[in-house]
Amino acid sequence: MERSGSGSGSAAALNAAHFGRELGEFLKRMEVWSLQVESLLTDSVAAAASIRSSAQEGVKEVSNRSKSLKAEDHFIRKVRDAQQEELSRCDKEISEVYKNLEDLHEHTTKLFQLKVDREALISKSMSDITDKLSHRKQKVKALHEATGWYKRLLSTRCEYSDAVKFIFTNVDPRDPDRVFSFSIRLDKSSKSWTMVDCNPRVEASGSFVELLNESNELSRFVRSMRREFEVLAVRSRYLVK
């Protein structure tokens, strides 16, 4: 019995010693693991701090870059707006130039057409004036020829002012020097003759003037007026008796 108790005590002591050793080793391992964990945590914290610092630097750089990009974008917008404004101004000026050119072309066309119309009008007016002058010269020539013929054959002469005055002598046989006369005027606007004065007065002179304007036969009119003067001379001779 005493041996049995002594053997159990020895085994327990051995077990306790073994447990002590294992516990010591475990504690050592725990201490090593704790140091490793602490080192790992320290490294992790340092790495996190480094990452945080790098991230902050990156954020700062990105922020600065963003500000720079915003400034560049603002500058580009200002340049673009200025260019757009300049382009709009140029477009407006070009439009005004084109409009002025169109107005100038239209005005030039109108002036050219006006020049053509005026030249045509002047040409027609000159032609009309030439025709009128030619007709008037023919009338004057005929009038001079007629007055020359009357002067030679009928003792008639003419005086010219604003009217044509026909003066007759050798009408009254008893008084060859007695003067009979009448004046007629040609109205240029109406191209008609009017009696200005008549001495002595001839009753039929009005109808003679109307016939003259219808036929334009001046010689016939003058002969008719001379015959009326001759009739008046004969009547005055009988009235004197």
Protein backbone atom coordinates (compact mmCIF):
# COMPACT_ATOMS: atom_id res chain seq x y z
CA MET A 1 0.00 0.00 0.00
CA GLU A 2 2.70 2.47 0.81
CA ARG A 3 4.43 1.69 -2.54
CA SER A 4 1.23 2.19 -4.40
CA GLY A 5 0.68 5.62 -2.86
CA SER A 6 4.27 6.58 -3.48
CA GLY A 7 3.97 5.63 -7.17
CA SER A 8 0.82 7.68 -7.67
CA GLY A 9 2.46 10.73 -6.17
CA SER A 10 5.40 10.43 -8.50
CA ALA A 11 3.15 10.22 -11.53
CA ALA A 12 1.21 13.26 -10.48
CA ALA A 13 4.41 15.14 -9.96
CA LEU A 14 5.60 14.13 -13.40
CA ASN A 15 2.33 15.22 -14.93
CA ALA A 16 2.45 18.53 -13.15
CA ALA A 17 5.98 19.13 -14.29
CA HIS A 18 5.03 18.22 -17.84
CA PHE A 19 2.03 20.52 -17.71
CA GLY A 20 4.20 23.27 -16.32
CA ARG A 21 6.64 22.90 -19.16
CA GLU A 22 3.87 22.88 -21.75
CA LEU A 23 2.23 25.87 -20.11
CA GLY A 24 5.55 27.70 -20.15
CA GLU A 25 6.05 26.92 -23.81
CA PHE A 26 2.48 27.95 -24.54
CA LEU A 27 2.98 31.21 -22.74
CA LYS A 28 6.21 31.76 -24.64
CA ARG A 29 4.43 31.05 -27.90
CA MET A 30 1.60 33.38 -26.85
CA GLU A 31 4.13 36.04 -26.04
CA VAL A 32 5.79 35.56 -29.42
CA TRP A 33 2.40 35.55 -31.14
CA SER A 34 1.39 38.62 -29.19
CA LEU A 35 4.57 40.36 -30.27
CA GLN A 36 3.95 39.29 -33.84
CA VAL A 37 0.34 40.49 -33.67
CA GLU A 38 1.47 43.76 -32.11
CA SER A 39 4.12 44.15 -34.82
CA LEU A 40 1.55 43.29 -37.45
CA LEU A 41 -0.88 45.80 -35.99
CA THR A 42 1.88 48.39 -35.83
CA ASP A 43 2.79 47.69 -39.45
CA SER A 44 -0.88 47.77 -40.41
CA VAL A 45 -1.40 51.08 -38.65
CA ALA A 46 1.72 52.48 -40.32
CA ALA A 47 0.58 51.13 -43.67
CA ALA A 48 -2.90 52.55 -43.11
CA ALA A 49 -1.38 55.89 -42.14
CA SER A 50 0.80 55.78 -45.23
CA ILE A 51 -2.17 54.85 -47.37
CA ARG A 52 -4.23 57.59 -45.72
CA SER A 53 -1.44 60.08 -46.30
CA SER A 54 -1.06 58.96 -49.90
CA ALA A 55 -4.81 59.11 -50.33
CA GLN A 56 -4.90 62.61 -48.87
CA GLU A 57 -2.06 63.64 -51.15
CA GLY A 58 -3.94 62.06 -54.05
CA VAL A 59 -7.15 63.82 -53.06
CA LYS A 60 -5.24 67.08 -52.73
CA GLU A 61 -3.59 66.53 -56.10
CA VAL A 62 -6.93 65.60 -57.63
CA SER A 63 -8.50 68.68 -56.02
CA ASN A 64 -5.71 70.88 -57.32
CA ARG A 65 -5.97 69.23 -60.72
CA SER A 66 -9.73 69.70 -60.63
CA LYS A 67 -9.28 73.38 -59.79
CA SER A 68 -6.74 73.69 -62.58
CA LEU A 69 -9.08 71.92 -64.97
CA LYS A 70 -11.94 74.17 -63.87
CA ALA A 71 -9.76 77.24 -64.44
CA GLU A 72 -8.72 75.91 -67.82
CA ASP A 73 -12.34 75.09 -68.63
CA HIS A 74 -13.39 78.60 -67.58
CA PHE A 75 -10.63 80.11 -69.72
CA ILE A 76 -11.59 77.89 -72.66
CA ARG A 77 -15.24 78.90 -72.21
CA LYS A 78 -14.27 82.57 -72.18
CA VAL A 79 -12.14 82.13 -75.29
CA ARG A 80 -14.92 80.15 -76.97
CA ASP A 81 -17.52 82.77 -76.03
CA ALA A 82 -15.25 85.55 -77.28
CA GLN A 83 -14.65 83.67 -80.53
CA GLN A 84 -18.38 82.98 -80.87
CA GLU A 85 -19.15 86.66 -80.28
CA GLU A 86 -16.50 87.67 -82.82
CA LEU A 87 -17.89 85.12 -85.28
CA SER A 88 -21.41 86.45 -84.77
CA ARG A 89 -20.15 90.01 -85.29
CA CYS A 90 -18.34 88.95 -88.47
CA ASP A 91 -21.46 87.14 -89.70
CA LYS A 92 -23.51 90.28 -89.04
CA GLU A 93 -20.99 92.48 -90.84
CA ILE A 94 -20.88 90.04 -93.77
CA SER A 95 -24.69 90.04 -93.92
CA GLU A 96 -24.69 93.85 -93.90
CA VAL A 97 -22.06 93.91 -96.65
CA TYR A 98 -24.11 91.49 -98.77
CA LYS A 99 -27.25 93.56 -98.13
CA ASN A 100 -25.40 96.75 -99.07
CA LEU A 101 -24.13 95.04 -102.21
CA GLU A 102 -27.66 93.93 -103.09
CA ASP A 103 -28.99 97.44 -102.43
CA LEU A 104 -26.16 98.90 -104.50
CA HIS A 105 -26.86 96.45 -107.32
CA GLU A 106 -30.57 97.27 -107.20
CA HIS A 107 -29.85 101.01 -107.10
CA THR A 108 -27.35 100.69 -109.95
CA THR A 109 -29.89 98.71 -111.98
CA LYS A 110 -32.53 101.38 -111.35
CA LEU A 111 -30.10 104.14 -112.28
CA PHE A 112 -29.11 102.30 -115.44
CA GLN A 113 -32.77 101.78 -116.37
CA LEU A 114 -33.49 105.42 -115.55
CA LYS A 115 -30.56 106.43 -117.77
CA VAL A 116 -31.89 104.25 -120.60
CA ASP A 117 -35.41 105.66 -120.16
CA ARG A 118 -34.14 109.23 -120.07
CA GLU A 119 -31.97 108.67 -123.10
CA ALA A 120 -34.99 107.25 -124.93
CA LEU A 121 -37.11 110.19 -123.75
CA ILE A 122 -34.44 112.69 -124.76
CA SER A 123 -34.05 110.98 -128.12
CA LYS A 124 -37.81 111.10 -128.68
CA SER A 125 -37.97 114.71 -127.48
CA MET A 126 -35.11 115.65 -129.79
CA SER A 127 -36.85 113.87 -132.65
CA ASP A 128 -40.11 115.66 -131.84
CA ILE A 129 -38.31 119.00 -131.55
CA THR A 130 -36.52 118.36 -134.84
CA ASP A 131 -39.83 117.51 -136.50
CA LYS A 132 -41.49 120.58 -135.00
CA LEU A 133 -38.60 122.81 -136.04
CA SER A 134 -38.68 121.35 -139.52
CA HIS A 135 -42.45 121.87 -139.69
CA ARG A 136 -42.10 125.37 -138.30
CA LYS A 137 -39.34 126.20 -140.79
CA GLN A 138 -41.59 124.97 -143.58
CA LYS A 139 -44.41 127.14 -142.26
CA VAL A 140 -42.12 130.16 -141.95
CA LYS A 141 -40.76 129.51 -145.42
CA ALA A 142 -44.27 129.18 -146.81
CA LEU A 143 -45.29 132.32 -144.94
CA HIS A 144 -42.33 134.27 -146.33
CA GLU A 145 -43.05 133.00 -149.81
CA ALA A 146 -46.71 133.87 -149.46
CA THR A 147 -45.99 137.33 -148.08
CA GLY A 148 -43.46 137.92 -150.85
CA TRP A 149 -46.00 136.91 -153.44
CA TYR A 150 -48.68 139.10 -151.85
CA LYS A 151 -46.28 141.99 -151.60
CA ARG A 152 -45.39 141.74 -155.26
CA LEU A 153 -48.86 141.13 -156.66
CA LEU A 154 -51.30 142.49 -154.11
CA SER A 155 -49.36 145.36 -152.58
CA THR A 156 -49.15 143.49 -149.31
CA ARG A 157 -46.45 143.58 -146.67
CA CYS A 158 -46.00 141.90 -143.31
CA GLU A 159 -44.69 142.91 -139.94
CA TYR A 160 -43.57 140.35 -137.39
CA SER A 161 -43.68 140.58 -133.61
CA ASP A 162 -45.62 138.28 -131.35
CA ALA A 163 -48.15 138.18 -134.20
CA VAL A 164 -48.06 138.49 -137.99
CA LYS A 165 -49.54 141.73 -139.27
CA PHE A 166 -50.70 141.86 -142.90
CA ILE A 167 -50.84 145.38 -144.34
CA PHE A 168 -52.67 146.02 -147.64
CA THR A 169 -52.67 149.01 -149.99
CA ASN A 170 -54.20 149.50 -153.45
CA VAL A 171 -57.45 148.17 -152.04
CA ASP A 172 -59.54 151.33 -152.43
CA PRO A 173 -59.34 152.56 -156.05
CA ARG A 174 -60.15 156.10 -154.94
CA ASP A 175 -57.42 156.03 -152.29
CA PRO A 176 -54.66 153.55 -153.25
CA ASP A 177 -52.56 154.56 -150.23
CA ARG A 178 -55.31 153.79 -147.75
CA VAL A 179 -54.12 151.06 -145.37
CA PHE A 180 -56.14 147.95 -144.51
CA SER A 181 -54.61 145.51 -141.99
CA PHE A 182 -55.17 142.56 -139.72
CA SER A 183 -52.95 140.63 -137.28
CA ILE A 184 -53.08 136.93 -136.50
CA ARG A 185 -51.16 134.92 -133.94
CA LEU A 186 -50.30 131.20 -133.86
CA ASP A 187 -50.82 129.57 -130.46
CA LYS A 188 -47.98 127.04 -130.08
CA SER A 189 -49.77 124.91 -127.50
CA SER A 190 -53.00 124.47 -129.45
CA LYS A 191 -51.40 125.04 -132.88
CA SER A 192 -54.28 127.26 -133.86
CA TRP A 193 -54.56 130.77 -135.29
CA THR A 194 -56.39 133.61 -133.56
CA MET A 195 -57.30 137.09 -134.81
CA VAL A 196 -55.54 139.78 -132.80
CA ASP A 197 -56.87 142.89 -134.53
CA CYS A 198 -58.50 143.90 -137.78
CA ASN A 199 -58.77 147.42 -139.22
CA PRO A 200 -61.32 148.03 -140.53
CA ARG A 201 -63.42 145.38 -138.85
CA VAL A 202 -64.47 142.40 -141.02
CA GLU A 203 -67.64 140.62 -139.90
CA ALA A 204 -66.66 137.29 -141.46
CA SER A 205 -63.14 137.23 -140.00
CA GLY A 206 -64.17 134.73 -137.30
CA SER A 207 -65.41 132.16 -139.81
CA PHE A 208 -62.31 132.77 -141.95
CA VAL A 209 -60.06 131.99 -138.94
CA GLU A 210 -62.00 128.79 -138.24
CA LEU A 211 -61.54 127.73 -141.87
CA LEU A 212 -57.83 128.60 -141.65
CA ASN A 213 -57.39 126.35 -138.59
CA GLU A 214 -59.18 123.51 -140.36
CA SER A 215 -57.39 123.76 -143.72
CA ASN A 216 -54.17 125.52 -142.72
CA GLU A 217 -54.35 127.40 -146.05
CA LEU A 218 -52.91 130.79 -145.14
CA SER A 219 -52.89 132.16 -148.69
CA ARG A 220 -56.61 131.44 -149.06
CA PHE A 221 -57.26 133.18 -145.75
CA VAL A 222 -55.29 136.28 -146.79
CA ARG A 223 -57.09 136.46 -150.14
CA SER A 224 -60.43 136.16 -148.37
CA MET A 225 -59.55 138.98 -145.99
CA ARG A 226 -58.38 141.21 -148.89
CA ARG A 227 -61.63 140.59 -150.74
CA GLU A 228 -63.56 141.61 -147.63
CA PHE A 229 -61.47 144.79 -147.41
CA GLU A 230 -62.27 145.51 -151.07
CA VAL A 231 -65.98 145.02 -150.33
CA LEU A 232 -65.72 147.39 -147.38
CA ALA A 233 -63.93 149.96 -149.59
CA VAL A 234 -66.76 149.79 -152.17
CA ARG A 235 -69.41 150.07 -149.43
CA SER A 236 -67.69 153.04 -147.89
CA ARG A 237 -67.61 154.70 -151.33
CA TYR A 238 -71.37 154.32 -151.73
CA LEU A 239 -72.00 155.44 -148.15
CA VAL A 240 -70.03 158.59 -148.81
CA LYS A 241 -72.23 159.36 -151.78
